[in-house]
Amino acid sequence: MLRIGPIPWLYPPEIMPLSIRAKGASLSTATNWAFNWLVGEITPVLQEVITWRLYLMHGFFCAISVVVVYFVYPETKGVGLEDMVISSFYWPLMVG
């Protein structure tokens, strides 16, 4: 089964420059926790309001996130740390 849960934990420290890696990793972790809290708070309310369609909404966002990760996030396998810092800074320019 495909799981993208570790991406907010593993990917940001890998692409951040060494000078801001700790701050970037902590910011990405805090953002992950904040959105998980938000989903946990909103889900019971939405479950009452839109009932079974909530599952369709979660499935839609899950599918979209898989597509975004696959097509937008650059591959880092086999890329050195120095090369990754440069390519992560310029990768939007290389894609578009």
N, C-alpha and C. Protein backbone atom coordinates (compact mmCIF):
# COMPACT_ATOMS: atom_id res chain seq x y z
N MET A 1 0.84 -1.17 0.00
CA MET A 1 0.00 0.00 0.00
C MET A 1 0.89 1.25 0.00
N LEU A 2 0.49 2.23 -0.76
CA LEU A 2 1.24 3.47 -0.87
C LEU A 2 0.92 4.39 0.29
N ARG A 3 1.94 4.82 0.98
CA ARG A 3 1.76 5.74 2.10
C ARG A 3 2.70 6.93 1.94
N ILE A 4 2.15 8.12 2.10
CA ILE A 4 2.97 9.32 1.97
C ILE A 4 3.13 10.04 3.30
N GLY A 5 2.76 9.40 4.40
CA GLY A 5 2.83 10.01 5.72
C GLY A 5 4.20 10.51 6.13
N PRO A 6 5.29 9.80 5.82
CA PRO A 6 6.61 10.27 6.26
C PRO A 6 7.17 11.44 5.45
N ILE A 7 6.53 11.81 4.37
CA ILE A 7 7.10 12.86 3.51
C ILE A 7 7.33 14.17 4.27
N PRO A 8 6.38 14.68 5.06
CA PRO A 8 6.66 15.93 5.78
C PRO A 8 7.78 15.80 6.81
N TRP A 9 8.09 14.59 7.24
CA TRP A 9 9.16 14.39 8.23
C TRP A 9 10.52 14.20 7.57
N LEU A 10 10.56 13.52 6.46
CA LEU A 10 11.83 13.12 5.86
C LEU A 10 12.30 14.03 4.73
N TYR A 11 11.41 14.53 3.96
CA TYR A 11 11.78 15.28 2.75
C TYR A 11 12.36 16.66 3.04
N PRO A 12 11.73 17.50 3.88
CA PRO A 12 12.29 18.85 4.10
C PRO A 12 13.73 18.88 4.60
N PRO A 13 14.11 18.06 5.60
CA PRO A 13 15.52 18.11 6.01
C PRO A 13 16.48 17.67 4.90
N GLU A 14 15.99 16.86 3.99
CA GLU A 14 16.85 16.38 2.92
C GLU A 14 17.12 17.46 1.88
N ILE A 15 16.17 18.36 1.66
CA ILE A 15 16.36 19.36 0.60
C ILE A 15 16.78 20.73 1.14
N MET A 16 16.78 20.90 2.46
CA MET A 16 17.15 22.20 3.03
C MET A 16 18.67 22.36 3.08
N PRO A 17 19.15 23.58 2.87
CA PRO A 17 20.57 23.84 3.07
C PRO A 17 20.94 23.62 4.53
N LEU A 18 22.19 23.28 4.78
CA LEU A 18 22.65 22.96 6.12
C LEU A 18 22.43 24.12 7.09
N SER A 19 22.54 25.34 6.61
CA SER A 19 22.42 26.51 7.49
C SER A 19 21.01 26.67 8.08
N ILE A 20 19.99 26.19 7.40
CA ILE A 20 18.62 26.33 7.91
C ILE A 20 17.91 24.99 8.07
N ARG A 21 18.66 23.90 8.02
CA ARG A 21 18.05 22.57 8.06
C ARG A 21 17.26 22.33 9.34
N ALA A 22 17.80 22.67 10.49
CA ALA A 22 17.10 22.43 11.76
C ALA A 22 15.81 23.25 11.84
N LYS A 23 15.87 24.50 11.44
CA LYS A 23 14.67 25.34 11.47
C LYS A 23 13.64 24.87 10.45
N GLY A 24 14.10 24.47 9.29
CA GLY A 24 13.18 23.98 8.26
C GLY A 24 12.51 22.68 8.68
N ALA A 25 13.28 21.78 9.30
CA ALA A 25 12.71 20.51 9.76
C ALA A 25 11.71 20.76 10.88
N SER A 26 12.03 21.67 11.79
CA SER A 26 11.09 21.95 12.88
C SER A 26 9.83 22.63 12.36
N LEU A 27 9.97 23.51 11.38
CA LEU A 27 8.80 24.17 10.79
C LEU A 27 7.91 23.16 10.04
N SER A 28 8.53 22.26 9.30
CA SER A 28 7.73 21.26 8.58
C SER A 28 7.04 20.30 9.55
N THR A 29 7.72 19.95 10.64
CA THR A 29 7.11 19.08 11.64
C THR A 29 5.95 19.78 12.35
N ALA A 30 6.15 21.05 12.71
CA ALA A 30 5.08 21.81 13.36
C ALA A 30 3.88 21.98 12.43
N THR A 31 4.14 22.22 11.15
CA THR A 31 3.05 22.34 10.19
C THR A 31 2.29 21.03 10.05
N ASN A 32 3.02 19.92 10.02
CA ASN A 32 2.37 18.62 9.95
C ASN A 32 1.48 18.38 11.17
N TRP A 33 1.98 18.67 12.35
CA TRP A 33 1.20 18.51 13.58
C TRP A 33 -0.03 19.43 13.56
N ALA A 34 0.16 20.67 13.12
CA ALA A 34 -0.96 21.63 13.11
C ALA A 34 -2.07 21.17 12.17
N PHE A 35 -1.72 20.71 11.00
CA PHE A 35 -2.76 20.26 10.06
C PHE A 35 -3.40 18.95 10.52
N ASN A 36 -2.63 18.08 11.15
CA ASN A 36 -3.23 16.87 11.72
C ASN A 36 -4.23 17.23 12.81
N TRP A 37 -3.89 18.22 13.63
CA TRP A 37 -4.81 18.68 14.67
C TRP A 37 -6.07 19.27 14.03
N LEU A 38 -5.89 20.07 12.99
CA LEU A 38 -7.02 20.69 12.31
C LEU A 38 -7.96 19.63 11.71
N VAL A 39 -7.39 18.64 11.07
CA VAL A 39 -8.22 17.56 10.51
C VAL A 39 -8.95 16.83 11.63
N GLY A 40 -8.27 16.59 12.74
CA GLY A 40 -8.91 15.92 13.87
C GLY A 40 -10.05 16.72 14.48
N GLU A 41 -9.92 18.03 14.47
CA GLU A 41 -10.97 18.89 15.02
C GLU A 41 -12.15 19.05 14.08
N ILE A 42 -11.88 19.12 12.80
CA ILE A 42 -12.93 19.39 11.81
C ILE A 42 -13.68 18.12 11.41
N THR A 43 -13.03 16.97 11.46
CA THR A 43 -13.65 15.74 10.99
C THR A 43 -14.98 15.41 11.68
N PRO A 44 -15.08 15.49 13.02
CA PRO A 44 -16.39 15.18 13.63
C PRO A 44 -17.51 16.13 13.18
N VAL A 45 -17.18 17.39 13.00
CA VAL A 45 -18.18 18.36 12.55
C VAL A 45 -18.61 18.04 11.13
N LEU A 46 -17.64 17.79 10.26
CA LEU A 46 -17.97 17.47 8.87
C LEU A 46 -18.71 16.15 8.77
N GLN A 47 -18.39 15.21 9.64
CA GLN A 47 -19.09 13.92 9.62
C GLN A 47 -20.58 14.10 9.88
N GLU A 48 -20.92 15.02 10.77
CA GLU A 48 -22.33 15.29 11.03
C GLU A 48 -22.99 16.05 9.89
N VAL A 49 -22.26 16.95 9.27
CA VAL A 49 -22.85 17.81 8.25
C VAL A 49 -22.96 17.12 6.90
N ILE A 50 -21.87 16.51 6.43
CA ILE A 50 -21.90 15.93 5.08
C ILE A 50 -21.89 14.40 5.09
N THR A 51 -21.96 13.81 6.23
CA THR A 51 -22.07 12.35 6.46
C THR A 51 -21.09 11.56 5.60
N TRP A 52 -21.58 10.64 4.79
CA TRP A 52 -20.71 9.70 4.08
C TRP A 52 -19.84 10.37 3.02
N ARG A 53 -20.21 11.56 2.56
CA ARG A 53 -19.42 12.24 1.53
C ARG A 53 -18.07 12.71 2.06
N LEU A 54 -17.92 12.71 3.37
CA LEU A 54 -16.62 13.07 3.95
C LEU A 54 -15.54 12.10 3.48
N TYR A 55 -15.87 10.84 3.34
CA TYR A 55 -14.89 9.85 2.88
C TYR A 55 -14.46 10.13 1.45
N LEU A 56 -15.39 10.60 0.64
CA LEU A 56 -15.03 10.98 -0.72
C LEU A 56 -14.07 12.17 -0.72
N MET A 57 -14.31 13.11 0.17
CA MET A 57 -13.44 14.27 0.28
C MET A 57 -12.02 13.86 0.71
N HIS A 58 -11.93 13.01 1.73
CA HIS A 58 -10.61 12.53 2.17
C HIS A 58 -9.92 11.75 1.06
N GLY A 59 -10.65 10.91 0.36
CA GLY A 59 -10.08 10.16 -0.75
C GLY A 59 -9.59 11.06 -1.87
N PHE A 60 -10.34 12.11 -2.17
CA PHE A 60 -9.94 13.06 -3.20
C PHE A 60 -8.63 13.74 -2.84
N PHE A 61 -8.54 14.24 -1.61
CA PHE A 61 -7.30 14.93 -1.20
C PHE A 61 -6.12 13.98 -1.11
N CYS A 62 -6.37 12.74 -0.76
CA CYS A 62 -5.30 11.74 -0.73
C CYS A 62 -4.78 11.48 -2.14
N ALA A 63 -5.68 11.33 -3.09
CA ALA A 63 -5.29 11.10 -4.48
C ALA A 63 -4.53 12.30 -5.05
N ILE A 64 -5.00 13.50 -4.74
CA ILE A 64 -4.32 14.70 -5.21
C ILE A 64 -2.91 14.79 -4.62
N SER A 65 -2.76 14.46 -3.35
CA SER A 65 -1.43 14.54 -2.73
C SER A 65 -0.46 13.54 -3.35
N VAL A 66 -0.94 12.36 -3.71
CA VAL A 66 -0.08 11.38 -4.38
C VAL A 66 0.37 11.93 -5.73
N VAL A 67 -0.53 12.53 -6.47
CA VAL A 67 -0.18 13.09 -7.78
C VAL A 67 0.83 14.23 -7.63
N VAL A 68 0.61 15.10 -6.66
CA VAL A 68 1.52 16.22 -6.43
C VAL A 68 2.91 15.72 -6.05
N VAL A 69 2.99 14.77 -5.13
CA VAL A 69 4.29 14.25 -4.72
C VAL A 69 5.00 13.58 -5.89
N TYR A 70 4.27 12.82 -6.68
CA TYR A 70 4.89 12.10 -7.79
C TYR A 70 5.41 13.04 -8.88
N PHE A 71 4.62 14.06 -9.23
CA PHE A 71 4.98 14.91 -10.36
C PHE A 71 5.72 16.19 -9.99
N VAL A 72 5.61 16.66 -8.73
CA VAL A 72 6.19 17.95 -8.39
C VAL A 72 7.47 17.83 -7.56
N TYR A 73 7.51 16.89 -6.63
CA TYR A 73 8.68 16.76 -5.77
C TYR A 73 9.84 16.13 -6.55
N PRO A 74 11.01 16.75 -6.52
CA PRO A 74 12.14 16.17 -7.25
C PRO A 74 12.67 14.92 -6.57
N GLU A 75 13.18 14.00 -7.36
CA GLU A 75 13.77 12.77 -6.83
C GLU A 75 15.11 13.09 -6.19
N THR A 76 15.37 12.52 -5.03
CA THR A 76 16.62 12.79 -4.32
C THR A 76 17.51 11.56 -4.21
N LYS A 77 17.10 10.44 -4.75
CA LYS A 77 17.89 9.21 -4.66
C LYS A 77 19.18 9.36 -5.46
N GLY A 78 20.29 9.12 -4.80
CA GLY A 78 21.58 9.18 -5.46
C GLY A 78 22.12 10.58 -5.68
N VAL A 79 21.46 11.59 -5.17
CA VAL A 79 21.91 12.97 -5.33
C VAL A 79 22.67 13.37 -4.08
N GLY A 80 23.86 13.91 -4.26
CA GLY A 80 24.66 14.35 -3.12
C GLY A 80 24.03 15.54 -2.41
N LEU A 81 24.41 15.75 -1.17
CA LEU A 81 23.83 16.82 -0.37
C LEU A 81 24.06 18.19 -1.01
N GLU A 82 25.29 18.44 -1.48
CA GLU A 82 25.58 19.74 -2.09
C GLU A 82 24.78 19.93 -3.38
N ASP A 83 24.65 18.86 -4.15
CA ASP A 83 23.87 18.95 -5.39
C ASP A 83 22.39 19.13 -5.10
N MET A 84 21.91 18.51 -4.04
CA MET A 84 20.49 18.62 -3.69
C MET A 84 20.14 20.03 -3.25
N VAL A 85 21.04 20.68 -2.54
CA VAL A 85 20.78 22.05 -2.11
C VAL A 85 20.64 22.96 -3.32
N ILE A 86 21.50 22.80 -4.29
CA ILE A 86 21.43 23.62 -5.49
C ILE A 86 20.18 23.27 -6.30
N SER A 87 19.94 21.98 -6.51
CA SER A 87 18.80 21.61 -7.34
C SER A 87 17.47 21.91 -6.66
N SER A 88 17.41 21.84 -5.32
CA SER A 88 16.15 22.15 -4.65
C SER A 88 15.85 23.63 -4.71
N PHE A 89 16.88 24.45 -4.78
CA PHE A 89 16.66 25.89 -4.88
C PHE A 89 16.21 26.26 -6.29
N TYR A 90 16.75 25.58 -7.28
CA TYR A 90 16.45 25.95 -8.67
C TYR A 90 15.47 25.01 -9.36
N TRP A 91 14.99 23.98 -8.68
CA TRP A 91 14.15 23.00 -9.38
C TRP A 91 12.87 23.56 -9.94
N PRO A 92 12.22 24.59 -9.33
CA PRO A 92 11.03 25.13 -10.01
C PRO A 92 11.37 25.77 -11.35
N LEU A 93 12.57 26.33 -11.45
CA LEU A 93 12.97 26.92 -12.71
C LEU A 93 13.29 25.85 -13.75
N MET A 94 13.81 24.69 -13.30
CA MET A 94 14.14 23.62 -14.21
C MET A 94 12.89 22.91 -14.72
N VAL A 95 11.85 22.82 -13.86
CA VAL A 95 10.62 22.14 -14.26
C VAL A 95 9.84 23.00 -15.24
N GLY A 96 9.70 24.29 -14.93
CA GLY A 96 8.86 25.17 -15.75
C GLY A 96 9.66 25.91 -16.69
